[in-house]
N, C-alpha and C. Protein backbone atom coordinates (compact mmCIF):
# COMPACT_ATOMS: atom_id res chain seq x y z
N UNK A 1 19.84 24.21 89.76
CA UNK A 1 20.31 23.07 89.44
C UNK A 1 20.96 22.19 88.57
N UNK A 2 21.65 21.28 89.37
CA UNK A 2 22.43 20.75 89.04
C UNK A 2 22.44 19.33 87.29
N UNK A 3 23.05 19.74 86.16
CA UNK A 3 22.77 18.77 85.49
C UNK A 3 23.60 17.85 85.42
N UNK A 4 22.92 16.47 85.31
CA UNK A 4 23.45 15.38 85.33
C UNK A 4 24.21 15.20 84.05
N UNK A 5 24.95 14.04 84.29
CA UNK A 5 25.90 13.81 82.97
C UNK A 5 25.23 12.91 81.91
N UNK A 6 25.02 13.20 80.67
CA UNK A 6 24.61 12.47 79.83
C UNK A 6 24.72 11.01 79.67
N UNK A 7 23.79 10.12 79.33
CA UNK A 7 24.33 8.71 79.92
C UNK A 7 22.60 7.79 79.16
N UNK A 8 22.99 6.56 78.19
CA UNK A 8 21.53 6.11 77.70
C UNK A 8 22.04 5.04 78.36
N UNK A 9 21.07 4.12 79.05
CA UNK A 9 20.93 2.81 79.74
C UNK A 9 19.67 2.31 78.69
N UNK A 10 20.26 1.00 78.64
CA UNK A 10 18.92 0.27 77.71
C UNK A 10 18.68 -1.11 78.71
N UNK A 11 17.37 -1.74 78.85
CA UNK A 11 16.75 -2.89 79.66
C UNK A 11 15.70 -3.49 78.71
N UNK A 12 16.08 -4.55 78.04
CA UNK A 12 15.34 -5.91 77.18
C UNK A 12 14.51 -5.92 78.67
N UNK A 13 12.94 -5.64 78.11
CA UNK A 13 11.68 -6.11 79.16
C UNK A 13 11.24 -7.30 78.22
N UNK A 14 11.65 -7.75 77.78
CA UNK A 14 11.26 -8.66 77.23
C UNK A 14 12.17 -9.18 75.95
N UNK A 15 11.66 -10.55 75.05
CA UNK A 15 11.99 -10.46 73.87
C UNK A 15 11.95 -9.46 72.91
N UNK A 16 10.46 -8.91 73.34
CA UNK A 16 9.95 -7.93 71.89
C UNK A 16 10.04 -6.35 72.34
N UNK A 17 10.33 -6.23 73.62
CA UNK A 17 10.03 -4.77 73.97
C UNK A 17 11.44 -4.66 74.68
N UNK A 18 12.27 -3.36 74.43
CA UNK A 18 13.42 -2.34 75.07
C UNK A 18 12.99 -1.48 76.07
N UNK A 19 13.67 -0.55 76.86
CA UNK A 19 13.77 0.16 77.65
C UNK A 19 15.01 0.97 77.31
N UNK A 20 14.88 2.44 76.66
CA UNK A 20 16.31 2.98 76.12
C UNK A 20 15.98 4.10 76.98
N UNK A 21 16.59 4.18 78.25
CA UNK A 21 16.92 5.29 79.06
C UNK A 21 17.61 6.61 79.26
N UNK A 22 17.46 7.13 79.11
CA UNK A 22 18.10 9.16 78.60
C UNK A 22 17.77 9.65 79.66
N UNK A 23 19.65 10.08 80.20
CA UNK A 23 20.02 11.06 81.27
C UNK A 23 21.07 12.10 81.16
N UNK A 24 19.97 13.32 81.43
CA UNK A 24 21.32 14.64 81.49
C UNK A 24 20.65 15.29 80.36
N UNK A 25 21.31 15.75 79.53
CA UNK A 25 20.77 17.19 78.27
C UNK A 25 21.02 15.89 77.15
N UNK A 26 19.90 16.26 76.28
CA UNK A 26 19.80 15.44 75.03
C UNK A 26 19.64 15.99 74.07
N UNK A 27 20.96 16.76 73.55
CA UNK A 27 20.98 18.08 72.48
C UNK A 27 22.30 17.49 71.37
N UNK A 28 22.71 18.79 70.74
CA UNK A 28 23.28 18.82 69.26
C UNK A 28 23.77 17.26 69.51
N UNK A 29 24.60 17.80 70.81
CA UNK A 29 26.11 17.48 70.75
C UNK A 29 25.91 15.70 71.07
N UNK A 30 24.94 14.88 71.65
CA UNK A 30 24.76 13.65 72.24
C UNK A 30 23.53 13.18 71.41
N UNK A 31 22.80 13.93 70.39
CA UNK A 31 21.67 13.45 69.86
C UNK A 31 21.79 12.26 68.93
N UNK A 32 23.25 12.13 67.90
CA UNK A 32 23.66 11.19 67.43
C UNK A 32 24.00 9.67 68.12
N UNK A 33 24.05 9.98 69.16
CA UNK A 33 24.30 8.49 70.20
C UNK A 33 22.99 7.90 70.10
N UNK A 34 22.03 8.83 70.22
CA UNK A 34 20.79 8.28 71.03
C UNK A 34 20.38 7.73 69.39
N UNK A 35 20.49 8.26 68.53
CA UNK A 35 19.59 7.93 67.19
C UNK A 35 20.50 6.64 66.87
N UNK A 36 21.95 6.35 67.33
CA UNK A 36 22.90 5.16 66.99
C UNK A 36 21.60 4.12 67.79
N UNK A 37 21.67 4.26 69.06
CA UNK A 37 20.65 3.15 70.17
C UNK A 37 19.34 3.14 69.44
N UNK A 38 18.58 3.80 68.37
CA UNK A 38 17.42 3.68 68.48
C UNK A 38 17.21 2.60 67.08
N UNK A 39 18.44 2.86 66.35
CA UNK A 39 18.81 2.15 65.10
C UNK A 39 18.84 0.70 65.16
N UNK A 40 20.00 0.93 66.10
CA UNK A 40 19.90 -0.48 66.64
C UNK A 40 19.00 -1.20 67.14
N UNK A 41 18.04 -0.61 67.88
CA UNK A 41 16.53 -0.99 68.17
C UNK A 41 15.75 -1.74 66.96
N UNK A 42 16.11 -0.83 66.08
CA UNK A 42 15.46 -1.21 65.19
C UNK A 42 15.72 -2.20 63.78
N UNK A 43 16.53 -2.68 64.22
CA UNK A 43 17.90 -3.43 63.09
C UNK A 43 17.06 -4.75 64.34
N UNK A 44 17.25 -4.49 65.65
CA UNK A 44 16.86 -6.04 66.67
C UNK A 44 15.22 -6.42 66.29
N UNK A 45 14.45 -5.10 65.90
CA UNK A 45 12.47 -5.52 65.73
C UNK A 45 12.45 -5.56 66.75
N UNK A 46 12.39 -4.56 67.60
CA UNK A 46 11.67 -4.70 69.42
C UNK A 46 11.00 -3.20 69.03
N UNK A 47 9.94 -3.19 69.59
CA UNK A 47 9.40 -2.09 70.39
C UNK A 47 9.96 -1.38 71.33
N UNK A 48 9.92 -0.36 71.19
CA UNK A 48 10.81 0.61 72.26
C UNK A 48 10.31 1.93 73.12
N UNK A 49 10.87 1.60 74.32
CA UNK A 49 10.73 2.96 75.26
C UNK A 49 11.23 4.16 75.82
N UNK A 50 11.18 4.99 75.05
CA UNK A 50 12.00 6.00 75.61
C UNK A 50 11.64 6.62 76.36
N UNK A 51 12.53 6.28 77.41
CA UNK A 51 12.36 6.72 78.75
C UNK A 51 13.03 8.52 79.47
N UNK A 52 12.68 9.06 79.95
CA UNK A 52 12.58 10.43 79.45
C UNK A 52 13.17 11.10 81.06
N UNK A 53 12.73 10.41 82.21
CA UNK A 53 12.41 10.69 83.50
C UNK A 53 13.55 11.37 84.25
N UNK A 54 14.78 11.31 83.54
CA UNK A 54 15.76 11.37 84.08
C UNK A 54 16.77 12.75 82.80
N UNK A 55 15.92 12.97 81.85
CA UNK A 55 16.31 13.50 81.19
C UNK A 55 16.18 15.20 81.50
N UNK A 56 17.35 16.38 81.36
CA UNK A 56 16.62 17.35 81.95
C UNK A 56 16.36 18.28 81.12
N UNK A 57 17.11 17.93 79.69
CA UNK A 57 16.86 18.92 78.48
C UNK A 57 16.89 18.05 77.44
N UNK A 58 15.65 18.78 76.23
CA UNK A 58 15.87 18.06 74.75
C UNK A 58 15.70 19.31 73.85
N UNK A 59 16.69 19.08 73.07
CA UNK A 59 16.33 20.26 71.98
C UNK A 59 15.83 19.65 70.47
N UNK A 60 15.77 20.10 69.53
CA UNK A 60 15.39 19.51 68.24
C UNK A 60 16.40 18.75 68.20
N UNK A 61 17.66 18.62 67.95
CA UNK A 61 17.79 17.34 67.36
C UNK A 61 17.49 15.73 68.30
N UNK A 62 17.69 16.38 69.56
CA UNK A 62 17.04 15.21 70.49
C UNK A 62 15.92 14.72 69.85
N UNK A 63 14.46 15.79 69.65
CA UNK A 63 13.38 14.95 69.07
C UNK A 63 13.16 14.52 67.73
N UNK A 64 13.92 15.71 67.07
CA UNK A 64 14.42 14.39 65.34
C UNK A 64 14.75 13.43 65.60
N UNK A 65 15.94 12.60 66.47
CA UNK A 65 16.36 11.48 66.68
C UNK A 65 14.79 10.51 67.24
N UNK A 66 14.42 11.23 68.12
CA UNK A 66 12.81 10.01 68.33
C UNK A 66 12.17 9.96 67.38
N UNK A 67 11.63 11.21 66.82
CA UNK A 67 10.76 10.81 65.15
C UNK A 67 11.00 10.42 64.64
N UNK A 68 12.50 10.23 64.02
CA UNK A 68 13.12 9.25 63.11
C UNK A 68 13.38 8.12 63.31
N UNK A 69 13.53 7.72 65.10
CA UNK A 69 13.34 6.71 64.82
C UNK A 69 11.78 6.00 65.17
N UNK A 70 10.77 6.67 65.72
CA UNK A 70 9.01 6.34 65.73
C UNK A 70 8.82 5.75 64.20
N UNK A 71 9.26 6.86 63.18
CA UNK A 71 8.88 6.66 61.83
C UNK A 71 9.85 4.93 61.38
N UNK A 72 10.96 5.02 61.68
CA UNK A 72 11.49 3.90 61.23
C UNK A 72 10.70 2.74 61.90
N UNK A 73 10.83 2.67 63.01
CA UNK A 73 10.26 1.66 63.89
C UNK A 73 8.61 1.02 63.25
N UNK A 74 7.81 1.99 63.13
CA UNK A 74 6.74 2.31 62.32
C UNK A 74 6.31 1.43 61.07
N UNK A 75 7.27 1.94 60.29
CA UNK A 75 7.32 1.28 58.66
C UNK A 75 7.46 -0.11 59.10
N UNK A 76 8.28 -0.49 60.22
CA UNK A 76 8.69 -2.14 60.23
C UNK A 76 7.58 -2.95 61.38
N UNK A 77 6.64 -2.38 61.47
CA UNK A 77 5.05 -2.95 62.32
C UNK A 77 5.68 -2.59 63.55
N UNK A 78 7.00 -1.81 64.20
CA UNK A 78 7.29 -2.06 65.42
C UNK A 78 6.42 -0.48 66.12
N UNK A 79 6.67 -0.20 67.43
CA UNK A 79 6.24 0.96 68.22
C UNK A 79 7.23 1.57 68.66
N UNK A 80 7.39 2.92 68.86
CA UNK A 80 8.30 3.82 69.80
C UNK A 80 7.69 4.52 70.44
N UNK A 81 7.51 4.65 71.71
CA UNK A 81 6.70 5.56 72.70
C UNK A 81 7.69 6.36 73.79
N UNK A 82 7.78 7.44 73.62
CA UNK A 82 8.19 8.25 74.73
C UNK A 82 7.86 8.14 76.69
N UNK A 83 8.40 8.05 77.53
CA UNK A 83 7.30 7.78 78.52
C UNK A 83 8.28 8.57 79.84
N UNK A 84 7.36 9.18 80.54
CA UNK A 84 7.87 9.76 81.73
C UNK A 84 8.84 10.81 81.42
N UNK A 85 8.33 11.79 80.96
CA UNK A 85 9.50 12.85 80.76
C UNK A 85 9.48 13.62 81.62
N UNK A 86 10.45 14.43 82.06
CA UNK A 86 10.78 15.23 83.54
C UNK A 86 9.94 16.32 82.94
N UNK A 87 9.83 17.21 84.24
CA UNK A 87 8.67 18.49 83.66
C UNK A 87 9.28 19.19 82.89
N UNK A 88 10.68 19.78 82.81
CA UNK A 88 11.27 20.75 81.69
C UNK A 88 11.25 20.09 80.59
N UNK A 89 11.66 18.29 79.84
CA UNK A 89 11.06 17.93 79.05
C UNK A 89 10.07 17.54 78.44
N UNK A 90 8.85 17.23 79.49
CA UNK A 90 7.31 17.88 79.29
C UNK A 90 6.88 18.80 78.36
N UNK A 91 7.11 20.55 79.26
CA UNK A 91 7.07 21.24 78.40
C UNK A 91 7.79 21.64 77.34
N UNK A 92 8.94 21.36 76.88
CA UNK A 92 9.26 21.00 75.45
C UNK A 92 8.36 20.33 74.66
N UNK A 93 8.41 19.00 75.09
CA UNK A 93 7.39 18.35 74.37
C UNK A 93 5.71 18.94 73.93
N UNK A 94 5.45 19.88 74.65
CA UNK A 94 3.92 19.81 74.74
C UNK A 94 3.98 20.93 73.66
N UNK A 95 5.55 22.17 74.00
CA UNK A 95 5.59 23.12 72.79
C UNK A 95 5.41 22.85 71.18
N UNK A 96 6.54 21.69 71.33
CA UNK A 96 6.47 21.27 69.77
C UNK A 96 5.68 20.13 69.28
N UNK A 97 4.09 20.05 70.24
CA UNK A 97 3.00 19.24 69.58
C UNK A 97 3.32 17.97 69.56
N UNK A 98 4.64 16.99 69.93
CA UNK A 98 4.61 15.65 70.30
C UNK A 98 3.98 15.24 71.16
N UNK A 99 3.55 15.67 72.14
CA UNK A 99 2.67 15.20 73.03
C UNK A 99 1.01 15.06 72.85
N UNK A 100 1.24 15.64 71.55
CA UNK A 100 -0.16 15.09 71.06
C UNK A 100 -0.56 14.10 69.94
N UNK A 101 1.03 13.93 69.58
CA UNK A 101 0.83 13.03 68.69
C UNK A 101 0.24 11.17 68.68
N UNK A 102 0.22 11.04 70.50
CA UNK A 102 -0.11 10.04 71.20
C UNK A 102 1.14 9.07 71.24
N UNK A 103 1.96 9.92 71.11
CA UNK A 103 3.66 8.87 71.68
C UNK A 103 4.14 9.16 73.06
N UNK A 104 3.67 9.59 73.68
CA UNK A 104 3.99 10.53 75.31
C UNK A 104 2.95 10.01 76.47
N UNK A 105 3.36 8.89 77.07
CA UNK A 105 2.84 8.82 78.36
C UNK A 105 3.92 9.00 79.74
N UNK A 106 2.86 9.27 80.46
CA UNK A 106 3.45 9.68 82.14
C UNK A 106 4.37 8.30 82.95
N UNK A 107 4.23 7.18 82.12
CA UNK A 107 5.21 6.26 82.76
C UNK A 107 5.34 5.15 81.54
N UNK A 108 5.82 4.51 82.01
CA UNK A 108 6.13 2.89 81.10
C UNK A 108 4.36 1.83 81.30
N UNK A 109 4.20 1.88 82.36
CA UNK A 109 3.04 1.53 82.75
C UNK A 109 1.78 1.34 82.06
N UNK A 110 2.14 3.10 82.40
CA UNK A 110 0.79 3.76 81.24
C UNK A 110 0.66 3.28 79.92
N UNK A 111 2.27 3.10 79.26
CA UNK A 111 2.58 2.74 77.93
C UNK A 111 2.01 1.53 77.33
N UNK A 112 2.45 0.67 77.85
CA UNK A 112 2.05 -0.55 77.99
C UNK A 112 0.53 -0.49 78.51
N UNK A 113 -0.37 -0.26 79.49
CA UNK A 113 -1.67 -0.23 78.74
C UNK A 113 -2.15 0.53 77.62
N UNK A 114 -1.74 1.04 77.85
CA UNK A 114 -2.40 2.69 76.20
C UNK A 114 -1.75 2.27 74.88
N UNK A 115 -0.40 2.52 74.84
CA UNK A 115 0.06 2.84 73.39
C UNK A 115 0.60 1.13 72.77
N UNK A 116 0.87 0.32 73.74
CA UNK A 116 0.90 -0.97 72.79
C UNK A 116 0.13 -2.18 73.37
N UNK A 117 -1.13 -0.88 73.69
CA UNK A 117 -1.96 -2.46 73.88
C UNK A 117 -3.02 -1.84 72.41
N UNK A 118 -2.69 -0.65 71.69
CA UNK A 118 -3.78 -0.28 70.73
C UNK A 118 -3.48 -1.22 69.49
N UNK A 119 -4.10 -1.57 68.74
CA UNK A 119 -4.26 -2.80 67.71
C UNK A 119 -3.60 -2.14 66.41
N UNK A 120 -3.66 -0.59 66.12
CA UNK A 120 -3.06 -0.02 65.18
C UNK A 120 -1.83 0.42 66.08
N UNK A 121 -0.63 0.92 65.00
CA UNK A 121 0.48 1.32 65.63
C UNK A 121 0.65 2.82 65.54
N UNK A 122 -0.35 3.12 63.96
CA UNK A 122 -0.38 4.78 63.69
C UNK A 122 -1.65 4.92 63.43
N UNK A 123 -1.90 5.73 64.02
CA UNK A 123 -3.41 6.12 63.38
C UNK A 123 -3.23 7.61 62.35
N UNK A 124 -4.09 7.41 61.79
CA UNK A 124 -4.23 8.50 60.99
C UNK A 124 -3.94 9.66 62.19
N UNK A 125 -4.84 10.06 62.76
CA UNK A 125 -4.60 11.22 63.61
C UNK A 125 -2.63 11.73 64.05
N UNK A 126 -2.26 10.48 64.66
CA UNK A 126 -0.59 10.93 64.69
C UNK A 126 0.13 10.67 63.55
N UNK A 127 -0.07 9.79 62.41
CA UNK A 127 0.68 10.30 61.50
C UNK A 127 0.34 11.76 61.05
N UNK A 128 -0.60 12.64 61.09
CA UNK A 128 -1.01 13.58 60.92
C UNK A 128 -0.30 14.60 61.84
N UNK A 129 -0.06 14.59 63.27
CA UNK A 129 0.49 15.35 63.79
C UNK A 129 1.96 15.08 64.09
N UNK A 130 2.63 13.98 63.38
CA UNK A 130 4.28 13.70 63.24
C UNK A 130 4.47 14.35 61.89
N UNK A 131 3.50 14.42 60.94
CA UNK A 131 4.06 14.75 59.70
C UNK A 131 4.48 16.86 59.94
N UNK A 132 3.37 17.24 60.73
CA UNK A 132 3.65 18.90 61.23
C UNK A 132 4.69 18.76 61.90
N UNK A 133 5.59 17.90 62.67
CA UNK A 133 6.99 18.19 62.97
C UNK A 133 8.10 18.07 62.50
């Protein structure tokens, strides 16, 4: 399997929601680029969908960037959800337990229906699961 070149693309879905699409390998060499983009989204006061369907691999630094941004956004009353992880990335998220923290959805549409429709941004169960990571 040929790995894709790393890229981040952003699409504003509307004035309050942004999709951040990650392509290629999300590892130590590029995780800071994602962190910078997610920091900018937090400063722009938008909810964020991190879309990983074209992400071939994620390591602990990529996961840490997502968790950090989730906590940062939650502290501002905003939400970050991971959408459509590739099969490989989904396995890694499952091993780390991130998929059980209520942050991972099969698609943006599912996240819109479930995650962003929730009245509370971080439940006690989500906070407990994230604290373990």
